[in-house]
PDB file of all heavy atoms in Angstrom:
ATOM      1  N   VAL A   1     -23.211  62.396   5.898  1.00  0.00           N
ATOM      2  CA  VAL A   1     -22.495  62.134   4.637  1.00  0.00           C
ATOM      3  C   VAL A   1     -23.015  60.913   4.014  1.00  0.00           C
ATOM      4  O   VAL A   1     -23.020  60.789   2.795  1.00  0.00           O
ATOM      5  CB  VAL A   1     -21.014  62.186   4.938  1.00  0.00           C
ATOM      6  CG1 VAL A   1     -20.269  61.707   3.705  1.00  0.00           C
ATOM      7  CG2 VAL A   1     -20.544  63.526   5.372  1.00  0.00           C
ATOM      8  N   THR A   2     -23.244  59.900   4.828  1.00  0.00           N
ATOM      9  CA  THR A   2     -23.564  58.546   4.249  1.00  0.00           C
ATOM     10  C   THR A   2     -25.137  58.226   4.198  1.00  0.00           C
ATOM     11  O   THR A   2     -25.490  57.131   3.787  1.00  0.00           O
ATOM     12  CB  THR A   2     -22.889  57.524   5.085  1.00  0.00           C
ATOM     13  OG1 THR A   2     -23.384  57.548   6.449  1.00  0.00           O
ATOM     14  CG2 THR A   2     -21.363  57.627   5.129  1.00  0.00           C
ATOM     15  N   HIS A   3     -25.914  59.169   4.465  1.00  0.00           N
ATOM     16  CA  HIS A   3     -27.369  58.975   4.392  1.00  0.00           C
ATOM     17  C   HIS A   3     -27.755  58.767   3.043  1.00  0.00           C
ATOM     18  O   HIS A   3     -27.255  59.437   2.079  1.00  0.00           O
ATOM     19  CB  HIS A   3     -28.178  60.116   5.075  1.00  0.00           C
ATOM     20  CG  HIS A   3     -29.603  59.906   5.121  1.00  0.00           C
ATOM     21  ND1 HIS A   3     -30.516  60.079   4.080  1.00  0.00           N
ATOM     22  CD2 HIS A   3     -30.314  59.423   6.160  1.00  0.00           C
ATOM     23  CE1 HIS A   3     -31.721  59.701   4.415  1.00  0.00           C
ATOM     24  NE2 HIS A   3     -31.614  59.298   5.702  1.00  0.00           N
ATOM     25  N   PRO A   4     -28.598  57.813   2.728  1.00  0.00           N
ATOM     26  CA  PRO A   4     -28.956  57.500   1.332  1.00  0.00           C
ATOM     27  C   PRO A   4     -29.410  58.659   0.479  1.00  0.00           C
ATOM     28  O   PRO A   4     -29.102  58.736  -0.718  1.00  0.00           O
ATOM     29  CB  PRO A   4     -30.127  56.368   1.510  1.00  0.00           C
ATOM     30  CG  PRO A   4     -29.744  55.776   2.835  1.00  0.00           C
ATOM     31  CD  PRO A   4     -29.189  56.802   3.684  1.00  0.00           C
ATOM     32  N   HIS A   5     -30.145  59.573   1.094  1.00  0.00           N
ATOM     33  CA  HIS A   5     -30.636  60.700   0.314  1.00  0.00           C
ATOM     34  C   HIS A   5     -29.455  61.542  -0.045  1.00  0.00           C
ATOM     35  O   HIS A   5     -29.364  61.998  -1.235  1.00  0.00           O
ATOM     36  CB  HIS A   5     -31.558  61.542   1.089  1.00  0.00           C
ATOM     37  CG  HIS A   5     -32.145  62.650   0.405  1.00  0.00           C
ATOM     38  ND1 HIS A   5     -33.246  62.511  -0.637  1.00  0.00           N
ATOM     39  CD2 HIS A   5     -31.859  64.065   0.348  1.00  0.00           C
ATOM     40  CE1 HIS A   5     -33.437  63.769  -1.126  1.00  0.00           C
ATOM     41  NE2 HIS A   5     -32.621  64.635  -0.588  1.00  0.00           N
ATOM     42  N   ALA A   6     -28.512  61.817   0.887  1.00  0.00           N
ATOM     43  CA  ALA A   6     -27.337  62.647   0.588  1.00  0.00           C
ATOM     44  C   ALA A   6     -26.520  61.997  -0.494  1.00  0.00           C
ATOM     45  O   ALA A   6     -25.939  62.626  -1.365  1.00  0.00           O
ATOM     46  CB  ALA A   6     -26.518  62.959   1.847  1.00  0.00           C
ATOM     47  N   VAL A   7     -26.355  60.660  -0.404  1.00  0.00           N
ATOM     48  CA  VAL A   7     -25.612  59.901  -1.355  1.00  0.00           C
ATOM     49  C   VAL A   7     -26.277  59.949  -2.784  1.00  0.00           C
ATOM     50  O   VAL A   7     -25.524  60.191  -3.852  1.00  0.00           O
ATOM     51  CB  VAL A   7     -25.378  58.397  -0.914  1.00  0.00           C
ATOM     52  CG1 VAL A   7     -24.787  57.606  -2.048  1.00  0.00           C
ATOM     53  CG2 VAL A   7     -24.593  58.299   0.360  1.00  0.00           C
ATOM     54  N   ALA A   8     -27.573  59.808  -2.848  1.00  0.00           N
ATOM     55  CA  ALA A   8     -28.284  59.814  -4.090  1.00  0.00           C
ATOM     56  C   ALA A   8     -28.157  61.188  -4.754  1.00  0.00           C
ATOM     57  O   ALA A   8     -28.074  61.280  -6.005  1.00  0.00           O
ATOM     58  CB  ALA A   8     -29.807  59.437  -3.881  1.00  0.00           C
ATOM     59  N   ARG A   9     -28.127  62.213  -4.016  1.00  0.00           N
ATOM     60  CA  ARG A   9     -28.055  63.596  -4.525  1.00  0.00           C
ATOM     61  C   ARG A   9     -26.710  64.104  -4.746  1.00  0.00           C
ATOM     62  O   ARG A   9     -26.422  65.157  -5.446  1.00  0.00           O
ATOM     63  CB  ARG A   9     -28.763  64.595  -3.535  1.00  0.00           C
ATOM     64  CG  ARG A   9     -30.219  64.365  -3.453  1.00  0.00           C
ATOM     65  CD  ARG A   9     -31.023  65.319  -4.363  1.00  0.00           C
ATOM     66  NE  ARG A   9     -30.745  66.721  -4.146  1.00  0.00           N
ATOM     67  CZ  ARG A   9     -31.150  67.744  -4.846  1.00  0.00           C
ATOM     68  NH1 ARG A   9     -31.848  67.333  -6.015  1.00  0.00           N
ATOM     69  NH2 ARG A   9     -30.899  68.910  -4.524  1.00  0.00           N
ATOM     70  N   GLY A  10     -25.677  63.428  -4.217  1.00  0.00           N
ATOM     71  CA  GLY A  10     -24.318  63.880  -4.241  1.00  0.00           C
ATOM     72  C   GLY A  10     -24.187  65.121  -3.482  1.00  0.00           C
ATOM     73  O   GLY A  10     -23.462  66.053  -3.827  1.00  0.00           O
ATOM     74  N   SER A  11     -24.804  65.155  -2.281  1.00  0.00           N
ATOM     75  CA  SER A  11     -24.845  66.340  -1.484  1.00  0.00           C
ATOM     76  C   SER A  11     -23.439  66.772  -0.819  1.00  0.00           C
ATOM     77  O   SER A  11     -23.191  67.925  -0.654  1.00  0.00           O
ATOM     78  CB  SER A  11     -25.859  66.256  -0.366  1.00  0.00           C
ATOM     79  OG  SER A  11     -27.148  66.073  -0.878  1.00  0.00           O
ATOM     80  N   PHE A  12     -22.704  65.658  -0.684  1.00  0.00           N
ATOM     81  CA  PHE A  12     -21.308  65.970  -0.163  1.00  0.00           C
ATOM     82  C   PHE A  12     -20.283  65.398  -1.261  1.00  0.00           C
ATOM     83  O   PHE A  12     -20.562  64.515  -2.052  1.00  0.00           O
ATOM     84  CB  PHE A  12     -21.094  65.131   1.073  1.00  0.00           C
ATOM     85  CG  PHE A  12     -21.952  65.516   2.228  1.00  0.00           C
ATOM     86  CD1 PHE A  12     -23.222  65.113   2.370  1.00  0.00           C
ATOM     87  CD2 PHE A  12     -21.410  66.574   3.147  1.00  0.00           C
ATOM     88  CE1 PHE A  12     -24.042  65.548   3.394  1.00  0.00           C
ATOM     89  CE2 PHE A  12     -22.220  67.014   4.162  1.00  0.00           C
ATOM     90  CZ  PHE A  12     -23.553  66.465   4.314  1.00  0.00           C
ATOM     91  N   VAL A  13     -19.104  66.099  -1.319  1.00  0.00           N
ATOM     92  CA  VAL A  13     -18.228  65.867  -2.301  1.00  0.00           C
ATOM     93  C   VAL A  13     -16.812  65.535  -1.604  1.00  0.00           C
ATOM     94  O   VAL A  13     -16.515  65.935  -0.515  1.00  0.00           O
ATOM     95  CB  VAL A  13     -18.079  66.950  -3.286  1.00  0.00           C
ATOM     96  CG1 VAL A  13     -19.302  67.178  -4.156  1.00  0.00           C
ATOM     97  CG2 VAL A  13     -17.679  68.237  -2.615  1.00  0.00           C
ATOM     98  N   GLN A  14     -15.920  64.919  -2.378  1.00  0.00           N
ATOM     99  CA  GLN A  14     -14.531  64.697  -2.014  1.00  0.00           C
ATOM    100  C   GLN A  14     -13.678  65.800  -2.628  1.00  0.00           C
ATOM    101  O   GLN A  14     -13.617  65.861  -3.859  1.00  0.00           O
ATOM    102  CB  GLN A  14     -14.130  63.284  -2.355  1.00  0.00           C
ATOM    103  CG  GLN A  14     -14.664  62.241  -1.468  1.00  0.00           C
ATOM    104  CD  GLN A  14     -13.834  62.038  -0.198  1.00  0.00           C
ATOM    105  OE1 GLN A  14     -12.606  62.294  -0.156  1.00  0.00           O
ATOM    106  NE2 GLN A  14     -14.513  61.640   0.874  1.00  0.00           N
ATOM    107  N   VAL A  15     -12.915  66.405  -1.797  1.00  0.00           N
ATOM    108  CA  VAL A  15     -11.975  67.466  -2.424  1.00  0.00           C
ATOM    109  C   VAL A  15     -10.612  67.216  -1.739  1.00  0.00           C
ATOM    110  O   VAL A  15     -10.434  67.351  -0.578  1.00  0.00           O
ATOM    111  CB  VAL A  15     -12.525  68.858  -2.099  1.00  0.00           C
ATOM    112  CG1 VAL A  15     -11.463  69.876  -2.641  1.00  0.00           C
ATOM    113  CG2 VAL A  15     -13.817  69.157  -2.689  1.00  0.00           C
ATOM    114  N   ALA A  16      -9.625  66.714  -2.558  1.00  0.00           N
ATOM    115  CA  ALA A  16      -8.359  66.398  -2.009  1.00  0.00           C
ATOM    116  C   ALA A  16      -8.349  65.516  -0.877  1.00  0.00           C
ATOM    117  O   ALA A  16      -7.663  65.627   0.133  1.00  0.00           O
ATOM    118  CB  ALA A  16      -7.567  67.704  -1.705  1.00  0.00           C
ATOM    119  N   GLY A  17      -9.303  64.473  -0.952  1.00  0.00           N
ATOM    120  CA  GLY A  17      -9.378  63.541   0.139  1.00  0.00           C
ATOM    121  C   GLY A  17     -10.261  63.840   1.263  1.00  0.00           C
ATOM    122  O   GLY A  17     -10.357  63.100   2.169  1.00  0.00           O
ATOM    123  N   MET A  18     -10.756  64.986   1.248  1.00  0.00           N
ATOM    124  CA  MET A  18     -11.671  65.458   2.379  1.00  0.00           C
ATOM    125  C   MET A  18     -13.132  65.562   2.007  1.00  0.00           C
ATOM    126  O   MET A  18     -13.408  66.168   0.922  1.00  0.00           O
ATOM    127  CB  MET A  18     -11.222  66.872   2.906  1.00  0.00           C
ATOM    128  CG  MET A  18     -12.015  67.400   3.984  1.00  0.00           C
ATOM    129  SD  MET A  18     -11.570  69.125   4.532  1.00  0.00           S
ATOM    130  CE  MET A  18     -12.661  69.334   5.772  1.00  0.00           C
ATOM    131  N   THR A  19     -13.947  64.926   2.770  1.00  0.00           N
ATOM    132  CA  THR A  19     -15.402  65.032   2.375  1.00  0.00           C
ATOM    133  C   THR A  19     -15.920  66.406   3.036  1.00  0.00           C
ATOM    134  O   THR A  19     -15.630  66.698   4.112  1.00  0.00           O
ATOM    135  CB  THR A  19     -16.139  63.927   3.197  1.00  0.00           C
ATOM    136  OG1 THR A  19     -15.606  62.623   2.649  1.00  0.00           O
ATOM    137  CG2 THR A  19     -17.612  63.976   2.898  1.00  0.00           C
ATOM    138  N   GLN A  20     -16.727  67.082   2.283  1.00  0.00           N
ATOM    139  CA  GLN A  20     -17.269  68.372   2.634  1.00  0.00           C
ATOM    140  C   GLN A  20     -18.572  68.562   1.831  1.00  0.00           C
ATOM    141  O   GLN A  20     -18.850  67.976   0.797  1.00  0.00           O
ATOM    142  CB  GLN A  20     -16.355  69.447   2.268  1.00  0.00           C
ATOM    143  CG  GLN A  20     -15.842  69.547   0.847  1.00  0.00           C
ATOM    144  CD  GLN A  20     -14.569  70.342   0.826  1.00  0.00           C
ATOM    145  OE1 GLN A  20     -14.660  71.559   0.321  1.00  0.00           O
ATOM    146  NE2 GLN A  20     -13.392  69.790   1.085  1.00  0.00           N
ATOM    147  N   PRO A  21     -19.470  69.491   2.260  1.00  0.00           N
ATOM    148  CA  PRO A  21     -20.697  69.788   1.568  1.00  0.00           C
ATOM    149  C   PRO A  21     -20.386  70.222   0.156  1.00  0.00           C
ATOM    150  O   PRO A  21     -19.446  71.090  -0.105  1.00  0.00           O
ATOM    151  CB  PRO A  21     -21.315  70.940   2.385  1.00  0.00           C
ATOM    152  CG  PRO A  21     -20.726  70.677   3.784  1.00  0.00           C
ATOM    153  CD  PRO A  21     -19.337  70.266   3.579  1.00  0.00           C
ATOM    154  N   GLY A  22     -21.208  69.794  -0.820  1.00  0.00           N
ATOM    155  CA  GLY A  22     -21.022  70.264  -2.202  1.00  0.00           C
ATOM    156  C   GLY A  22     -21.628  71.570  -2.403  1.00  0.00           C
ATOM    157  O   GLY A  22     -22.366  72.134  -1.526  1.00  0.00           O
ATOM    158  N   PRO A  23     -21.613  72.225  -3.567  1.00  0.00           N
ATOM    159  CA  PRO A  23     -22.050  73.495  -3.871  1.00  0.00           C
ATOM    160  C   PRO A  23     -23.654  73.508  -3.710  1.00  0.00           C
ATOM    161  O   PRO A  23     -24.310  72.541  -4.025  1.00  0.00           O
ATOM    162  CB  PRO A  23     -21.720  73.733  -5.330  1.00  0.00           C
ATOM    163  CG  PRO A  23     -20.533  72.933  -5.514  1.00  0.00           C
ATOM    164  CD  PRO A  23     -20.755  71.694  -4.678  1.00  0.00           C
ATOM    165  N   ALA A  24     -24.181  74.661  -3.265  1.00  0.00           N
ATOM    166  CA  ALA A  24     -25.625  74.828  -3.175  1.00  0.00           C
ATOM    167  C   ALA A  24     -25.920  76.288  -3.344  1.00  0.00           C
ATOM    168  O   ALA A  24     -25.068  77.186  -2.941  1.00  0.00           O
ATOM    169  CB  ALA A  24     -26.079  74.325  -1.737  1.00  0.00           C
ATOM    170  N   PRO A  25     -26.985  76.685  -3.819  1.00  0.00           N
ATOM    171  CA  PRO A  25     -28.096  75.864  -4.426  1.00  0.00           C
ATOM    172  C   PRO A  25     -27.647  75.363  -5.823  1.00  0.00           C
ATOM    173  O   PRO A  25     -26.616  75.648  -6.336  1.00  0.00           O
ATOM    174  CB  PRO A  25     -29.286  76.893  -4.599  1.00  0.00           C
ATOM    175  CG  PRO A  25     -28.556  78.209  -4.776  1.00  0.00           C
ATOM    176  CD  PRO A  25     -27.404  78.095  -4.024  1.00  0.00           C
ATOM    177  N   ARG A  26     -28.552  74.554  -6.416  1.00  0.00           N
ATOM    178  CA  ARG A  26     -28.232  73.953  -7.776  1.00  0.00           C
ATOM    179  C   ARG A  26     -28.914  74.629  -8.862  1.00  0.00           C
ATOM    180  O   ARG A  26     -30.087  74.992  -8.760  1.00  0.00           O
ATOM    181  CB  ARG A  26     -28.728  72.386  -7.654  1.00  0.00           C
ATOM    182  CG  ARG A  26     -27.999  71.668  -6.550  1.00  0.00           C
ATOM    183  CD  ARG A  26     -28.266  70.180  -6.695  1.00  0.00           C
ATOM    184  NE  ARG A  26     -27.646  69.492  -5.630  1.00  0.00           N
ATOM    185  CZ  ARG A  26     -27.362  68.130  -5.580  1.00  0.00           C
ATOM    186  NH1 ARG A  26     -27.674  67.426  -6.689  1.00  0.00           N
ATOM    187  NH2 ARG A  26     -26.772  67.557  -4.634  1.00  0.00           N
ATOM    188  N   LEU A  27     -28.233  74.835  -9.942  1.00  0.00           N
ATOM    189  CA  LEU A  27     -28.817  75.450 -11.087  1.00  0.00           C
ATOM    190  C   LEU A  27     -28.721  74.295 -12.273  1.00  0.00           C
ATOM    191  O   LEU A  27     -27.586  73.673 -12.346  1.00  0.00           O
ATOM    192  CB  LEU A  27     -28.026  76.655 -11.546  1.00  0.00           C
ATOM    193  CG  LEU A  27     -28.276  77.952 -10.704  1.00  0.00           C
ATOM    194  CD1 LEU A  27     -27.708  77.834  -9.365  1.00  0.00           C
ATOM    195  CD2 LEU A  27     -27.812  79.142 -11.581  1.00  0.00           C
ATOM    196  N   THR A  28     -29.695  74.183 -13.026  1.00  0.00           N
ATOM    197  CA  THR A  28     -29.823  73.007 -13.962  1.00  0.00           C
ATOM    198  C   THR A  28     -28.951  73.292 -15.189  1.00  0.00           C
ATOM    199  O   THR A  28     -28.324  72.307 -15.551  1.00  0.00           O
ATOM    200  CB  THR A  28     -31.255  72.883 -14.394  1.00  0.00           C
ATOM    201  OG1 THR A  28     -31.740  74.069 -14.919  1.00  0.00           O
ATOM    202  CG2 THR A  28     -32.180  72.438 -13.216  1.00  0.00           C
ATOM    203  N   ARG A  29     -28.893  74.526 -15.737  1.00  0.00           N
ATOM    204  CA  ARG A  29     -28.225  74.700 -16.889  1.00  0.00           C
ATOM    205  C   ARG A  29     -26.725  75.174 -16.703  1.00  0.00           C
ATOM    206  O   ARG A  29     -25.889  74.797 -17.574  1.00  0.00           O
ATOM    207  CB  ARG A  29     -28.938  75.743 -17.786  1.00  0.00           C
ATOM    208  CG  ARG A  29     -28.421  75.965 -19.162  1.00  0.00           C
ATOM    209  CD  ARG A  29     -29.301  76.795 -20.057  1.00  0.00           C
ATOM    210  NE  ARG A  29     -29.725  77.966 -19.462  1.00  0.00           N
ATOM    211  CZ  ARG A  29     -29.000  79.123 -19.430  1.00  0.00           C
ATOM    212  NH1 ARG A  29     -27.751  79.115 -20.012  1.00  0.00           N
ATOM    213  NH2 ARG A  29     -29.298  80.219 -18.863  1.00  0.00           N
ATOM    214  N   THR A  30     -26.431  75.799 -15.693  1.00  0.00           N
ATOM    215  CA  THR A  30     -25.058  76.242 -15.423  1.00  0.00           C
ATOM    216  C   THR A  30     -24.652  75.781 -13.973  1.00  0.00           C
ATOM    217  O   THR A  30     -24.602  76.664 -13.068  1.00  0.00           O
ATOM    218  CB  THR A  30     -24.937  77.762 -15.511  1.00  0.00           C
ATOM    219  OG1 THR A  30     -25.937  78.486 -14.617  1.00  0.00           O
ATOM    220  CG2 THR A  30     -25.183  78.177 -16.987  1.00  0.00           C
ATOM    221  N   PRO A  31     -24.544  74.566 -13.764  1.00  0.00           N
ATOM    222  CA  PRO A  31     -24.279  74.011 -12.412  1.00  0.00           C
ATOM    223  C   PRO A  31     -22.950  74.513 -11.783  1.00  0.00           C
ATOM    224  O   PRO A  31     -22.021  74.767 -12.469  1.00  0.00           O
ATOM    225  CB  PRO A  31     -24.248  72.563 -12.599  1.00  0.00           C
ATOM    226  CG  PRO A  31     -23.808  72.319 -14.037  1.00  0.00           C
ATOM    227  CD  PRO A  31     -24.485  73.485 -14.787  1.00  0.00           C
ATOM    228  N   SER A  32     -23.005  74.676 -10.484  1.00  0.00           N
ATOM    229  CA  SER A  32     -21.841  75.000  -9.721  1.00  0.00           C
ATOM    230  C   SER A  32     -20.908  73.831  -9.544  1.00  0.00           C
ATOM    231  O   SER A  32     -21.457  72.658  -9.745  1.00  0.00           O
ATOM    232  CB  SER A  32     -22.185  75.516  -8.425  1.00  0.00           C
ATOM    233  OG  SER A  32     -23.059  76.690  -8.534  1.00  0.00           O
ATOM    234  N   SER A  33     -19.736  74.008  -9.236  1.00  0.00           N
ATOM    235  CA  SER A  33     -18.785  72.872  -9.066  1.00  0.00           C
ATOM    236  C   SER A  33     -17.613  73.383  -8.149  1.00  0.00           C
ATOM    237  O   SER A  33     -17.303  74.557  -8.108  1.00  0.00           O
ATOM    238  CB  SER A  33     -18.241  72.333 -10.352  1.00  0.00           C
ATOM    239  OG  SER A  33     -17.564  73.265 -11.070  1.00  0.00           O
ATOM    240  N   VAL A  34     -16.963  72.384  -7.577  1.00  0.00           N
ATOM    241  CA  VAL A  34     -15.714  72.693  -6.798  1.00  0.00           C
ATOM    242  C   VAL A  34     -14.530  72.425  -7.723  1.00  0.00           C
ATOM    243  O   VAL A  34     -14.288  71.353  -8.225  1.00  0.00           O
ATOM    244  CB  VAL A  34     -15.603  71.731  -5.542  1.00  0.00           C
ATOM    245  CG1 VAL A  34     -14.225  72.040  -4.833  1.00  0.00           C
ATOM    246  CG2 VAL A  34     -16.718  72.015  -4.603  1.00  0.00           C
ATOM    247  N   ARG A  35     -13.770  73.447  -8.023  1.00  0.00           N
ATOM    248  CA  ARG A  35     -12.760  73.383  -9.094  1.00  0.00           C
ATOM    249  C   ARG A  35     -11.324  73.129  -8.488  1.00  0.00           C
ATOM    250  O   ARG A  35     -10.480  72.524  -9.234  1.00  0.00           O
ATOM    251  CB  ARG A  35     -12.670  74.658  -9.851  1.00  0.00           C
ATOM    252  CG  ARG A  35     -13.866  74.771 -10.855  1.00  0.00           C
ATOM    253  CD  ARG A  35     -13.855  76.176 -11.463  1.00  0.00           C
ATOM    254  NE  ARG A  35     -14.188  77.169 -10.419  1.00  0.00           N
ATOM    255  CZ  ARG A  35     -14.041  78.541 -10.569  1.00  0.00           C
ATOM    256  NH1 ARG A  35     -13.720  78.922 -11.837  1.00  0.00           N
ATOM    257  NH2 ARG A  35     -14.291  79.359  -9.649  1.00  0.00           N
ATOM    258  N   SER A  36     -11.126  73.379  -7.221  1.00  0.00           N
ATOM    259  CA  SER A  36      -9.769  73.109  -6.651  1.00  0.00           C
ATOM    260  C   SER A  36      -9.901  73.163  -5.127  1.00  0.00           C
ATOM    261  O   SER A  36     -10.781  73.728  -4.560  1.00  0.00           O
ATOM    262  CB  SER A  36      -8.820  74.131  -7.112  1.00  0.00           C
ATOM    263  OG  SER A  36      -9.144  75.493  -6.609  1.00  0.00           O
ATOM    264  N   PRO A  37      -8.883  72.511  -4.456  1.00  0.00           N
ATOM    265  CA  PRO A  37      -8.971  72.510  -2.985  1.00  0.00           C
ATOM    266  C   PRO A  37      -8.329  73.891  -2.473  1.00  0.00           C
ATOM    267  O   PRO A  37      -7.865  74.685  -3.397  1.00  0.00           O
ATOM    268  CB  PRO A  37      -7.969  71.408  -2.651  1.00  0.00           C
ATOM    269  CG  PRO A  37      -7.064  71.236  -3.752  1.00  0.00           C
ATOM    270  CD  PRO A  37      -7.885  71.612  -5.016  1.00  0.00           C
ATOM    271  N   ALA A  38      -8.335  74.150  -1.315  1.00  0.00           N
ATOM    272  CA  ALA A  38      -7.877  75.387  -0.736  1.00  0.00           C
ATOM    273  C   ALA A  38      -6.352  75.572  -1.088  1.00  0.00           C
ATOM    274  O   ALA A  38      -5.534  74.573  -1.016  1.00  0.00           O
ATOM    275  CB  ALA A  38      -8.155  75.525   0.763  1.00  0.00           C
TER     276      ALA A  38
END
């Protein structure tokens, strides 16, 4: 989670206080996102 490459890319995200992998793969024009916790 704290590796510089992961930090630079935003590879992990915070959702309701919990760190977890972010959406993959990435689309440039219509990016994915986490909209709510479980």
